[in-house]
Amino acid sequence: MYGTLCSNGTQHGLVQHLSVVEAKTQGSLYHLPAGYPALKLGGEGWVYGELLSTPDASLLRVLDFYEGTHQGVYQRVATEVLVGLVRHEAWTYAMKHPERRKGQIIPGGRWRRASWK
């Protein structure tokens, strides 16, 4: 997770029962005008966030709804993340073209909501 579901995020309550470790994945992070971040996978940059323990199927359905997968806002995709030097496969919510939603790239790949107020 890289945004509102992270430990300091506004919606962390949805996943607070899961264990968490710092992680990163390759991609770019964008700030959207609606006030939340979007991950675009791929490229040379890094996006920093948290790797959660695996949620059960019912929580995944809740998270899919929260992330707007049914509306095509985000897609839940399996991607490789790094925890230290160890590679893991994990679910993440990514957006194909955040720039089309007027997203602004976040230099350094770290979401901090307070910096966008």
C-alpha atoms as a PDB file:
ATOM      1  CA  MET A   1       0.000   0.000   0.000  1.00  0.00           C
ATOM      2  CA  TYR A   2       1.251   3.461  -0.807  1.00  0.00           C
ATOM      3  CA  GLY A   3      -1.531   5.902   0.083  1.00  0.00           C
ATOM      4  CA  THR A   4      -4.655   6.257   2.181  1.00  0.00           C
ATOM      5  CA  LEU A   5      -4.498   2.659   3.473  1.00  0.00           C
ATOM      6  CA  CYS A   6      -0.952   3.033   4.888  1.00  0.00           C
ATOM      7  CA  SER A   7      -0.316   3.257   8.623  1.00  0.00           C
ATOM      8  CA  ASN A   8      -0.631   7.055   8.602  1.00  0.00           C
ATOM      9  CA  GLY A   9      -3.425   7.093   6.011  1.00  0.00           C
ATOM     10  CA  THR A  10      -6.995   8.246   6.444  1.00  0.00           C
ATOM     11  CA  GLN A  11      -8.432   4.782   5.646  1.00  0.00           C
ATOM     12  CA  HIS A  12      -5.929   2.625   7.533  1.00  0.00           C
ATOM     13  CA  GLY A  13      -8.752   1.338   9.753  1.00  0.00           C
ATOM     14  CA  LEU A  14      -9.789  -0.986   6.928  1.00  0.00           C
ATOM     15  CA  VAL A  15      -6.508  -2.917   7.210  1.00  0.00           C
ATOM     16  CA  GLN A  16      -5.243  -2.122  10.717  1.00  0.00           C
ATOM     17  CA  HIS A  17      -5.522  -5.767  11.800  1.00  0.00           C
ATOM     18  CA  LEU A  18      -2.951  -6.872   9.182  1.00  0.00           C
ATOM     19  CA  SER A  19       0.794  -6.907   9.830  1.00  0.00           C
ATOM     20  CA  VAL A  20       2.864  -4.387   7.897  1.00  0.00           C
ATOM     21  CA  VAL A  21       6.477  -3.888   6.752  1.00  0.00           C
ATOM     22  CA  GLU A  22       8.064  -1.146   4.666  1.00  0.00           C
ATOM     23  CA  ALA A  23       8.406  -2.032   0.991  1.00  0.00           C
ATOM     24  CA  LYS A  24       8.958  -0.532  -2.456  1.00  0.00           C
ATOM     25  CA  THR A  25       8.058  -1.289  -6.056  1.00  0.00           C
ATOM     26  CA  GLN A  26       9.085   0.081  -9.429  1.00  0.00           C
ATOM     27  CA  GLY A  27       6.832   2.746 -10.817  1.00  0.00           C
ATOM     28  CA  SER A  28       5.757   6.357 -10.502  1.00  0.00           C
ATOM     29  CA  LEU A  29       3.474   7.931  -7.932  1.00  0.00           C
ATOM     30  CA  TYR A  30       1.000  10.676  -8.783  1.00  0.00           C
ATOM     31  CA  HIS A  31      -1.111  13.086  -6.759  1.00  0.00           C
ATOM     32  CA  LEU A  32      -4.620  13.308  -8.205  1.00  0.00           C
ATOM     33  CA  PRO A  33      -6.760  16.476  -7.960  1.00  0.00           C
ATOM     34  CA  ALA A  34      -9.299  14.501  -5.881  1.00  0.00           C
ATOM     35  CA  GLY A  35      -6.695  14.398  -3.089  1.00  0.00           C
ATOM     36  CA  TYR A  36      -5.353  10.874  -3.217  1.00  0.00           C
ATOM     37  CA  PRO A  37      -2.403   9.102  -4.862  1.00  0.00           C
ATOM     38  CA  ALA A  38      -2.172   6.818  -7.879  1.00  0.00           C
ATOM     39  CA  LEU A  39       0.521   4.285  -8.724  1.00  0.00           C
ATOM     40  CA  LYS A  40       1.618   3.767 -12.306  1.00  0.00           C
ATOM     41  CA  LEU A  41       3.666   0.569 -12.485  1.00  0.00           C
ATOM     42  CA  GLY A  42       6.871   0.181 -14.454  1.00  0.00           C
ATOM     43  CA  GLY A  43       9.744   2.403 -15.363  1.00  0.00           C
ATOM     44  CA  GLU A  44      12.950   3.152 -13.528  1.00  0.00           C
ATOM     45  CA  GLY A  45      11.604   4.977 -10.457  1.00  0.00           C
ATOM     46  CA  TRP A  46      10.616   3.582  -7.066  1.00  0.00           C
ATOM     47  CA  VAL A  47       7.421   4.001  -5.096  1.00  0.00           C
ATOM     48  CA  TYR A  48       7.669   3.508  -1.342  1.00  0.00           C
ATOM     49  CA  GLY A  49       4.916   2.153   0.863  1.00  0.00           C
ATOM     50  CA  GLU A  50       3.964  -0.806   2.991  1.00  0.00           C
ATOM     51  CA  LEU A  51       3.487  -4.512   2.366  1.00  0.00           C
ATOM     52  CA  LEU A  52       0.559  -5.929   4.308  1.00  0.00           C
ATOM     53  CA  SER A  53      -0.001  -9.532   5.271  1.00  0.00           C
ATOM     54  CA  THR A  54      -2.358 -11.243   2.836  1.00  0.00           C
ATOM     55  CA  PRO A  55      -5.983 -10.182   3.303  1.00  0.00           C
ATOM     56  CA  ASP A  56      -8.728 -12.773   3.064  1.00  0.00           C
ATOM     57  CA  ALA A  57     -11.143 -12.853   0.111  1.00  0.00           C
ATOM     58  CA  SER A  58     -13.850 -10.852   1.871  1.00  0.00           C
ATOM     59  CA  LEU A  59     -11.441  -8.026   2.721  1.00  0.00           C
ATOM     60  CA  LEU A  60     -10.129  -8.040  -0.853  1.00  0.00           C
ATOM     61  CA  ARG A  61     -13.706  -7.483  -2.057  1.00  0.00           C
ATOM     62  CA  VAL A  62     -14.050  -4.527   0.343  1.00  0.00           C
ATOM     63  CA  LEU A  63     -10.733  -3.075  -0.810  1.00  0.00           C
ATOM     64  CA  ASP A  64     -11.649  -3.571  -4.473  1.00  0.00           C
ATOM     65  CA  PHE A  65     -14.853  -1.614  -3.873  1.00  0.00           C
ATOM     66  CA  TYR A  66     -13.026   1.106  -1.923  1.00  0.00           C
ATOM     67  CA  GLU A  67     -10.444   1.435  -4.720  1.00  0.00           C
ATOM     68  CA  GLY A  68     -13.137   1.656  -7.405  1.00  0.00           C
ATOM     69  CA  THR A  69     -12.088  -1.371  -9.423  1.00  0.00           C
ATOM     70  CA  HIS A  70     -15.732  -1.873 -10.472  1.00  0.00           C
ATOM     71  CA  GLN A  71     -15.659   1.643 -11.984  1.00  0.00           C
ATOM     72  CA  GLY A  72     -12.279   1.205 -13.647  1.00  0.00           C
ATOM     73  CA  VAL A  73     -10.564   3.756 -11.410  1.00  0.00           C
ATOM     74  CA  TYR A  74      -7.849   1.364 -10.246  1.00  0.00           C
ATOM     75  CA  GLN A  75      -6.950  -2.189 -11.165  1.00  0.00           C
ATOM     76  CA  ARG A  76      -5.825  -4.735  -8.595  1.00  0.00           C
ATOM     77  CA  VAL A  77      -2.689  -6.304 -10.043  1.00  0.00           C
ATOM     78  CA  ALA A  78       0.003  -8.653  -8.816  1.00  0.00           C
ATOM     79  CA  THR A  79       3.387  -6.980  -8.776  1.00  0.00           C
ATOM     80  CA  GLU A  80       6.854  -7.541  -7.405  1.00  0.00           C
ATOM     81  CA  VAL A  81       7.814  -5.599  -4.293  1.00  0.00           C
ATOM     82  CA  LEU A  82      11.042  -5.432  -2.352  1.00  0.00           C
ATOM     83  CA  VAL A  83      11.320  -5.682   1.412  1.00  0.00           C
ATOM     84  CA  GLY A  84      14.958  -4.897   1.949  1.00  0.00           C
ATOM     85  CA  LEU A  85      16.648  -7.140  -0.623  1.00  0.00           C
ATOM     86  CA  VAL A  86      13.928  -9.820  -0.594  1.00  0.00           C
ATOM     87  CA  ARG A  87      11.453  -9.944  -3.472  1.00  0.00           C
ATOM     88  CA  HIS A  88       7.771 -10.696  -2.852  1.00  0.00           C
ATOM     89  CA  GLU A  89       4.727 -10.869  -5.077  1.00  0.00           C
ATOM     90  CA  ALA A  90       1.870  -8.761  -3.762  1.00  0.00           C
ATOM     91  CA  TRP A  91      -1.432  -7.220  -4.777  1.00  0.00           C
ATOM     92  CA  THR A  92      -1.448  -3.504  -5.426  1.00  0.00           C
ATOM     93  CA  TYR A  93      -3.912  -1.008  -6.841  1.00  0.00           C
ATOM     94  CA  ALA A  94      -2.541   0.691  -9.934  1.00  0.00           C
ATOM     95  CA  MET A  95      -3.840   3.198 -12.451  1.00  0.00           C
ATOM     96  CA  LYS A  96      -2.850   2.906 -16.103  1.00  0.00           C
ATOM     97  CA  HIS A  97      -2.869   6.615 -16.999  1.00  0.00           C
ATOM     98  CA  PRO A  98      -2.998   8.874 -13.922  1.00  0.00           C
ATOM     99  CA  GLU A  99      -1.799  11.779 -16.053  1.00  0.00           C
ATOM    100  CA  ARG A 100      -5.126  11.611 -17.941  1.00  0.00           C
ATOM    101  CA  ARG A 101      -6.822  12.371 -14.616  1.00  0.00           C
ATOM    102  CA  LYS A 102      -4.560  15.423 -14.269  1.00  0.00           C
ATOM    103  CA  GLY A 103      -2.265  13.629 -11.834  1.00  0.00           C
ATOM    104  CA  GLN A 104       0.964  15.362 -10.872  1.00  0.00           C
ATOM    105  CA  ILE A 105       4.037  13.202 -10.426  1.00  0.00           C
ATOM    106  CA  ILE A 106       5.324  12.998  -6.857  1.00  0.00           C
ATOM    107  CA  PRO A 107       9.119  13.270  -6.919  1.00  0.00           C
ATOM    108  CA  GLY A 108      10.759  10.628  -4.741  1.00  0.00           C
ATOM    109  CA  GLY A 109       7.760   8.275  -4.827  1.00  0.00           C
ATOM    110  CA  ARG A 110       6.530   8.864  -1.260  1.00  0.00           C
ATOM    111  CA  TRP A 111       2.931   9.813  -0.499  1.00  0.00           C
ATOM    112  CA  ARG A 112       2.487  12.241   2.332  1.00  0.00           C
ATOM    113  CA  ARG A 113      -1.032  13.661   2.308  1.00  0.00           C
ATOM    114  CA  ALA A 114      -0.067  16.644   4.466  1.00  0.00           C
ATOM    115  CA  SER A 115       2.325  17.883   1.782  1.00  0.00           C
ATOM    116  CA  TRP A 116      -0.557  18.199  -0.728  1.00  0.00           C
ATOM    117  CA  LYS A 117      -3.037  20.181   1.354  1.00  0.00           C
END
